[in-house]
N, C-alpha and C. Protein backbone atom coordinates (compact mmCIF):
# COMPACT_ATOMS: atom_id res chain seq x y z
N MET A 1 105.84 93.47 96.38
CA MET A 1 105.15 94.75 96.37
C MET A 1 105.89 95.72 97.28
N GLN A 2 106.25 96.88 96.80
CA GLN A 2 106.95 97.88 97.57
C GLN A 2 105.95 98.68 98.41
N PRO A 3 106.31 99.01 99.67
CA PRO A 3 105.41 99.85 100.46
C PRO A 3 105.28 101.23 99.83
N ARG A 4 104.08 101.78 99.92
CA ARG A 4 103.84 103.10 99.36
C ARG A 4 104.05 104.16 100.43
N ARG A 5 104.52 105.30 100.00
CA ARG A 5 104.66 106.42 100.91
C ARG A 5 103.66 107.48 100.49
N SER A 6 103.11 108.15 101.46
CA SER A 6 102.13 109.19 101.18
C SER A 6 102.53 110.44 101.96
N SER A 7 102.45 111.59 101.33
CA SER A 7 102.80 112.82 102.04
C SER A 7 101.83 113.05 103.18
N GLY A 8 102.34 113.56 104.28
CA GLY A 8 101.49 113.82 105.43
C GLY A 8 101.26 112.59 106.29
N VAL A 9 101.91 111.47 105.99
CA VAL A 9 101.71 110.24 106.75
C VAL A 9 103.03 109.82 107.37
N ARG A 10 102.99 109.41 108.59
CA ARG A 10 104.17 108.92 109.27
C ARG A 10 103.81 107.60 109.94
N ARG A 11 104.71 106.61 109.84
CA ARG A 11 104.49 105.34 110.52
C ARG A 11 105.44 105.30 111.70
N LEU A 12 104.89 105.01 112.84
CA LEU A 12 105.70 104.85 114.03
C LEU A 12 105.80 103.36 114.31
N GLY A 13 106.99 102.89 114.56
CA GLY A 13 107.16 101.47 114.84
C GLY A 13 108.45 101.24 115.58
N ALA A 14 108.99 100.04 115.45
CA ALA A 14 110.19 99.67 116.19
C ALA A 14 111.36 100.60 115.88
N VAL A 15 111.44 101.11 114.66
CA VAL A 15 112.54 101.98 114.29
C VAL A 15 112.57 103.23 115.15
N SER A 16 111.40 103.77 115.46
CA SER A 16 111.36 104.99 116.26
C SER A 16 111.28 104.70 117.75
N GLY A 17 111.29 103.42 118.13
CA GLY A 17 111.24 103.07 119.54
C GLY A 17 109.83 102.96 120.10
N VAL A 18 108.82 103.15 119.27
CA VAL A 18 107.44 103.03 119.72
C VAL A 18 106.99 101.60 119.47
N HIS A 19 106.42 100.97 120.47
CA HIS A 19 106.03 99.57 120.36
C HIS A 19 104.60 99.37 119.88
N ARG A 20 103.89 100.45 119.65
CA ARG A 20 102.53 100.35 119.14
C ARG A 20 102.55 100.80 117.70
N PRO A 21 102.35 99.89 116.73
CA PRO A 21 102.35 100.35 115.34
C PRO A 21 101.13 101.21 115.11
N ILE A 22 101.35 102.43 114.74
CA ILE A 22 100.24 103.35 114.49
C ILE A 22 100.51 104.11 113.22
N ARG A 23 99.50 104.67 112.69
CA ARG A 23 99.63 105.50 111.51
C ARG A 23 99.11 106.88 111.92
N LEU A 24 99.92 107.88 111.66
CA LEU A 24 99.52 109.27 111.92
C LEU A 24 99.21 109.93 110.60
N CYS A 25 98.15 110.69 110.54
CA CYS A 25 97.90 111.41 109.29
C CYS A 25 97.43 112.82 109.61
N ALA A 26 97.89 113.75 108.78
CA ALA A 26 97.45 115.13 108.91
C ALA A 26 95.97 115.19 108.60
N ARG A 27 95.26 116.00 109.32
CA ARG A 27 93.81 116.06 109.12
C ARG A 27 93.42 116.43 107.70
N ILE A 28 94.30 117.13 107.02
CA ILE A 28 93.94 117.57 105.67
C ILE A 28 93.87 116.42 104.68
N ASN A 29 94.58 115.32 104.91
CA ASN A 29 94.55 114.22 103.94
C ASN A 29 94.18 112.89 104.57
N CYS A 30 93.57 112.90 105.72
CA CYS A 30 93.29 111.66 106.44
C CYS A 30 92.33 110.75 105.67
N ARG A 31 91.33 111.29 105.03
CA ARG A 31 90.39 110.44 104.27
C ARG A 31 91.13 109.64 103.21
N THR A 32 92.08 110.27 102.55
CA THR A 32 92.87 109.59 101.54
C THR A 32 93.70 108.47 102.17
N VAL A 33 94.35 108.75 103.29
CA VAL A 33 95.16 107.75 103.98
C VAL A 33 94.30 106.56 104.40
N VAL A 34 93.16 106.84 104.98
CA VAL A 34 92.26 105.78 105.45
C VAL A 34 91.81 104.91 104.27
N GLU A 35 91.41 105.53 103.18
CA GLU A 35 90.98 104.76 102.00
C GLU A 35 92.12 103.94 101.41
N GLU A 36 93.33 104.50 101.40
CA GLU A 36 94.48 103.76 100.88
C GLU A 36 94.82 102.56 101.77
N CYS A 37 94.70 102.73 103.08
CA CYS A 37 94.93 101.60 104.00
C CYS A 37 93.90 100.51 103.76
N LYS A 38 92.67 100.90 103.58
CA LYS A 38 91.59 99.94 103.32
C LYS A 38 91.86 99.18 102.02
N LYS A 39 92.24 99.90 100.98
CA LYS A 39 92.56 99.24 99.70
C LYS A 39 93.75 98.31 99.82
N ALA A 40 94.75 98.72 100.58
CA ALA A 40 95.96 97.91 100.74
C ALA A 40 95.66 96.57 101.42
N VAL A 41 94.76 96.57 102.39
CA VAL A 41 94.38 95.32 103.06
C VAL A 41 93.80 94.35 102.05
N VAL A 42 92.92 94.83 101.18
CA VAL A 42 92.31 93.97 100.17
C VAL A 42 93.35 93.53 99.13
N GLU A 43 94.22 94.45 98.72
CA GLU A 43 95.26 94.10 97.75
C GLU A 43 96.21 93.03 98.30
N LEU A 44 96.55 93.13 99.58
CA LEU A 44 97.51 92.20 100.17
C LEU A 44 96.88 90.85 100.54
N TYR A 45 95.66 90.87 101.06
CA TYR A 45 95.06 89.66 101.61
C TYR A 45 93.76 89.22 100.96
N GLY A 46 93.26 89.97 100.00
CA GLY A 46 92.00 89.62 99.36
C GLY A 46 90.82 89.98 100.25
N THR A 47 89.64 89.58 99.82
CA THR A 47 88.43 89.92 100.58
C THR A 47 88.15 88.93 101.70
N ASP A 48 88.86 87.79 101.72
CA ASP A 48 88.66 86.78 102.76
C ASP A 48 90.02 86.24 103.24
N PRO A 49 90.75 87.03 104.04
CA PRO A 49 92.08 86.60 104.48
C PRO A 49 92.06 85.29 105.27
N LYS A 50 90.96 85.01 105.94
CA LYS A 50 90.88 83.78 106.75
C LYS A 50 91.03 82.53 105.89
N SER A 51 90.61 82.61 104.64
CA SER A 51 90.69 81.44 103.76
C SER A 51 92.08 81.28 103.14
N ARG A 52 93.02 82.11 103.56
CA ARG A 52 94.37 82.07 102.99
C ARG A 52 95.42 81.79 104.07
N PRO A 53 95.36 80.63 104.73
CA PRO A 53 96.29 80.36 105.82
C PRO A 53 97.75 80.28 105.37
N ASP A 54 97.98 79.99 104.10
CA ASP A 54 99.35 79.96 103.59
C ASP A 54 99.91 81.36 103.37
N ASP A 55 99.03 82.34 103.29
CA ASP A 55 99.39 83.71 102.96
C ASP A 55 99.27 84.65 104.15
N TYR A 56 98.49 84.26 105.14
CA TYR A 56 98.20 85.14 106.26
C TYR A 56 98.31 84.34 107.55
N SER A 57 99.29 84.69 108.38
CA SER A 57 99.57 83.90 109.58
C SER A 57 98.49 84.07 110.64
N ARG A 58 98.54 83.21 111.63
CA ARG A 58 97.57 83.20 112.72
C ARG A 58 98.19 83.78 113.98
N ILE A 59 97.33 84.11 114.92
CA ILE A 59 97.75 84.61 116.23
C ILE A 59 98.23 83.40 117.04
N ILE A 60 99.09 83.61 117.99
CA ILE A 60 99.76 82.51 118.68
C ILE A 60 98.82 81.62 119.51
N SER A 61 97.73 82.17 120.06
CA SER A 61 96.84 81.37 120.89
C SER A 61 95.43 81.96 120.89
N PRO A 62 94.43 81.16 121.28
CA PRO A 62 93.07 81.71 121.40
C PRO A 62 93.01 82.87 122.39
N LYS A 63 93.74 82.75 123.49
CA LYS A 63 93.74 83.82 124.50
C LYS A 63 94.30 85.12 123.93
N ALA A 64 95.38 85.03 123.17
CA ALA A 64 95.96 86.22 122.55
C ALA A 64 95.01 86.81 121.52
N THR A 65 94.29 85.94 120.80
CA THR A 65 93.31 86.41 119.82
C THR A 65 92.19 87.17 120.51
N GLU A 66 91.71 86.64 121.62
CA GLU A 66 90.65 87.32 122.38
C GLU A 66 91.12 88.67 122.92
N ARG A 67 92.37 88.72 123.39
CA ARG A 67 92.91 89.99 123.89
C ARG A 67 92.93 91.04 122.78
N LEU A 68 93.42 90.65 121.61
CA LEU A 68 93.48 91.58 120.48
C LEU A 68 92.09 91.99 120.03
N ALA A 69 91.18 91.04 119.92
CA ALA A 69 89.81 91.36 119.50
C ALA A 69 89.15 92.32 120.48
N GLY A 70 89.51 92.22 121.75
CA GLY A 70 88.96 93.12 122.76
C GLY A 70 89.44 94.56 122.62
N LEU A 71 90.50 94.77 121.88
CA LEU A 71 91.02 96.13 121.65
C LEU A 71 90.27 96.85 120.53
N ILE A 72 89.50 96.11 119.76
CA ILE A 72 88.84 96.68 118.59
C ILE A 72 87.52 97.34 118.98
N ASP A 73 87.40 98.62 118.68
CA ASP A 73 86.12 99.33 118.81
C ASP A 73 85.41 99.19 117.48
N GLN A 74 84.40 98.33 117.43
CA GLN A 74 83.72 98.01 116.16
C GLN A 74 83.13 99.24 115.47
N LYS A 75 82.81 100.28 116.24
CA LYS A 75 82.27 101.50 115.64
C LYS A 75 83.32 102.25 114.82
N LYS A 76 84.59 101.92 115.03
CA LYS A 76 85.68 102.62 114.35
C LYS A 76 86.39 101.76 113.31
N VAL A 77 85.87 100.57 113.04
CA VAL A 77 86.52 99.67 112.08
C VAL A 77 86.26 100.14 110.65
N ILE A 78 87.33 100.33 109.90
CA ILE A 78 87.26 100.73 108.50
C ILE A 78 87.40 99.50 107.61
N ALA A 79 88.21 98.55 108.03
CA ALA A 79 88.42 97.30 107.29
C ALA A 79 88.70 96.20 108.30
N GLY A 80 88.20 95.00 108.04
CA GLY A 80 88.45 93.86 108.91
C GLY A 80 87.55 93.88 110.13
N GLY A 81 88.13 93.50 111.28
CA GLY A 81 87.41 93.55 112.54
C GLY A 81 86.86 92.23 113.04
N SER A 82 86.90 91.18 112.22
CA SER A 82 86.37 89.88 112.64
C SER A 82 87.45 89.04 113.28
N SER A 83 87.02 88.14 114.18
CA SER A 83 87.98 87.24 114.81
C SER A 83 87.35 85.87 115.02
N ASP A 84 88.20 84.88 115.17
CA ASP A 84 87.80 83.50 115.47
C ASP A 84 88.86 82.95 116.42
N PRO A 85 88.67 83.13 117.73
CA PRO A 85 89.68 82.69 118.69
C PRO A 85 90.03 81.20 118.58
N GLU A 86 89.06 80.36 118.31
CA GLU A 86 89.33 78.92 118.19
C GLU A 86 90.34 78.63 117.07
N ALA A 87 90.25 79.39 116.00
CA ALA A 87 91.17 79.23 114.86
C ALA A 87 92.40 80.13 114.98
N CYS A 88 92.50 80.85 116.11
CA CYS A 88 93.60 81.81 116.33
C CYS A 88 93.68 82.82 115.19
N TYR A 89 92.52 83.28 114.74
CA TYR A 89 92.45 84.17 113.58
C TYR A 89 91.91 85.54 113.97
N LEU A 90 92.52 86.57 113.40
CA LEU A 90 92.04 87.94 113.52
C LEU A 90 92.27 88.63 112.18
N ASP A 91 91.21 89.23 111.66
CA ASP A 91 91.34 89.97 110.40
C ASP A 91 92.42 91.05 110.51
N PRO A 92 93.12 91.33 109.42
CA PRO A 92 93.91 92.56 109.40
C PRO A 92 92.90 93.70 109.50
N THR A 93 93.07 94.57 110.48
CA THR A 93 92.03 95.53 110.82
C THR A 93 92.57 96.95 110.85
N VAL A 94 91.87 97.85 110.15
CA VAL A 94 92.18 99.28 110.15
C VAL A 94 91.13 99.96 111.02
N ILE A 95 91.60 100.76 111.98
CA ILE A 95 90.71 101.40 112.95
C ILE A 95 90.91 102.91 112.88
N TYR A 96 89.80 103.62 112.68
CA TYR A 96 89.84 105.09 112.55
C TYR A 96 88.47 105.68 112.89
N PRO A 97 88.44 106.79 113.57
CA PRO A 97 89.51 107.58 114.15
C PRO A 97 89.87 107.04 115.54
N VAL A 98 91.12 107.14 115.88
CA VAL A 98 91.61 106.69 117.17
C VAL A 98 92.22 107.88 117.89
N THR A 99 92.05 107.92 119.21
CA THR A 99 92.69 108.95 120.03
C THR A 99 93.64 108.26 121.00
N TRP A 100 94.50 109.03 121.62
CA TRP A 100 95.42 108.46 122.59
C TRP A 100 94.68 107.89 123.80
N ASP A 101 93.42 108.25 123.99
CA ASP A 101 92.64 107.75 125.12
C ASP A 101 91.96 106.42 124.84
N ASP A 102 91.97 105.96 123.60
CA ASP A 102 91.34 104.68 123.27
C ASP A 102 92.14 103.52 123.89
N PRO A 103 91.44 102.47 124.33
CA PRO A 103 92.11 101.31 124.95
C PRO A 103 93.21 100.70 124.06
N ILE A 104 93.04 100.75 122.75
CA ILE A 104 94.04 100.16 121.86
C ILE A 104 95.39 100.86 121.97
N MET A 105 95.40 102.08 122.48
CA MET A 105 96.64 102.85 122.59
C MET A 105 97.31 102.71 123.96
N GLU A 106 96.74 101.89 124.84
CA GLU A 106 97.27 101.77 126.19
C GLU A 106 98.45 100.82 126.30
N ASP A 107 98.58 99.87 125.40
CA ASP A 107 99.61 98.85 125.54
C ASP A 107 100.10 98.43 124.16
N GLU A 108 101.10 97.55 124.14
CA GLU A 108 101.61 97.03 122.88
C GLU A 108 100.56 96.14 122.23
N ILE A 109 100.50 96.19 120.92
CA ILE A 109 99.45 95.45 120.21
C ILE A 109 99.92 94.05 119.82
N PHE A 110 101.01 93.92 119.10
CA PHE A 110 101.52 92.64 118.61
C PHE A 110 100.46 91.85 117.85
N GLY A 111 99.80 92.49 116.92
CA GLY A 111 98.79 91.83 116.11
C GLY A 111 98.47 92.67 114.89
N PRO A 112 97.58 92.17 114.04
CA PRO A 112 97.28 92.83 112.76
C PRO A 112 96.26 93.97 112.87
N LEU A 113 96.49 94.86 113.82
CA LEU A 113 95.60 95.99 114.04
C LEU A 113 96.34 97.28 113.72
N LEU A 114 95.71 98.14 112.94
CA LEU A 114 96.32 99.41 112.56
C LEU A 114 95.43 100.57 113.00
N PRO A 115 95.71 101.13 114.19
CA PRO A 115 94.97 102.32 114.60
C PRO A 115 95.52 103.55 113.87
N ILE A 116 94.63 104.43 113.46
CA ILE A 116 95.05 105.65 112.75
C ILE A 116 94.67 106.86 113.60
N LEU A 117 95.68 107.66 113.92
CA LEU A 117 95.51 108.90 114.68
C LEU A 117 95.63 110.09 113.74
N THR A 118 94.96 111.17 114.06
CA THR A 118 95.13 112.40 113.28
C THR A 118 95.93 113.40 114.11
N TYR A 119 96.54 114.34 113.43
CA TYR A 119 97.29 115.38 114.11
C TYR A 119 97.19 116.68 113.34
N LYS A 120 97.40 117.77 114.05
CA LYS A 120 97.52 119.08 113.42
C LYS A 120 98.98 119.52 113.43
N ASP A 121 99.68 119.15 114.48
CA ASP A 121 101.05 119.58 114.68
C ASP A 121 101.93 118.33 114.88
N MET A 122 102.88 118.10 113.99
CA MET A 122 103.73 116.90 114.04
C MET A 122 104.52 116.82 115.34
N ASP A 123 105.01 117.95 115.86
CA ASP A 123 105.77 117.92 117.12
C ASP A 123 104.90 117.41 118.26
N ALA A 124 103.66 117.84 118.32
CA ALA A 124 102.75 117.37 119.37
C ALA A 124 102.47 115.86 119.21
N ALA A 125 102.37 115.39 117.97
CA ALA A 125 102.12 113.98 117.73
C ALA A 125 103.30 113.14 118.23
N PHE A 126 104.52 113.57 117.96
CA PHE A 126 105.68 112.81 118.39
C PHE A 126 105.96 112.95 119.88
N ALA A 127 105.41 113.96 120.51
CA ALA A 127 105.61 114.15 121.94
C ALA A 127 104.94 113.05 122.76
N LYS A 128 103.95 112.40 122.19
CA LYS A 128 103.26 111.30 122.88
C LYS A 128 104.17 110.12 122.91
């Protein structure tokens, strides 16, 4: 499956030197981006990713799973959000809306969490 590109959306990751994978979307089309991300999670992993250990990898340790789960603000979860530290499992999770002040944006994630930020001005978004 080829990754889809959407106008008004930018992915920041290792290529740009940012260690926090985030999705930026212009406020004018953010609802579309959020819905597409939600659909993509289901398309890639089905409705129960935990039952697909051959298709969806696990987190390295229970402690790492707990750390990642602690970054999730359940009020902002669009898709996923469940965890099972004993099984080293964390749902692929889409989180929206996120601001630079949210705890998930304070450090590197290294897990299946996708925070989505909105912007009005692309230069201001990249200045962070």
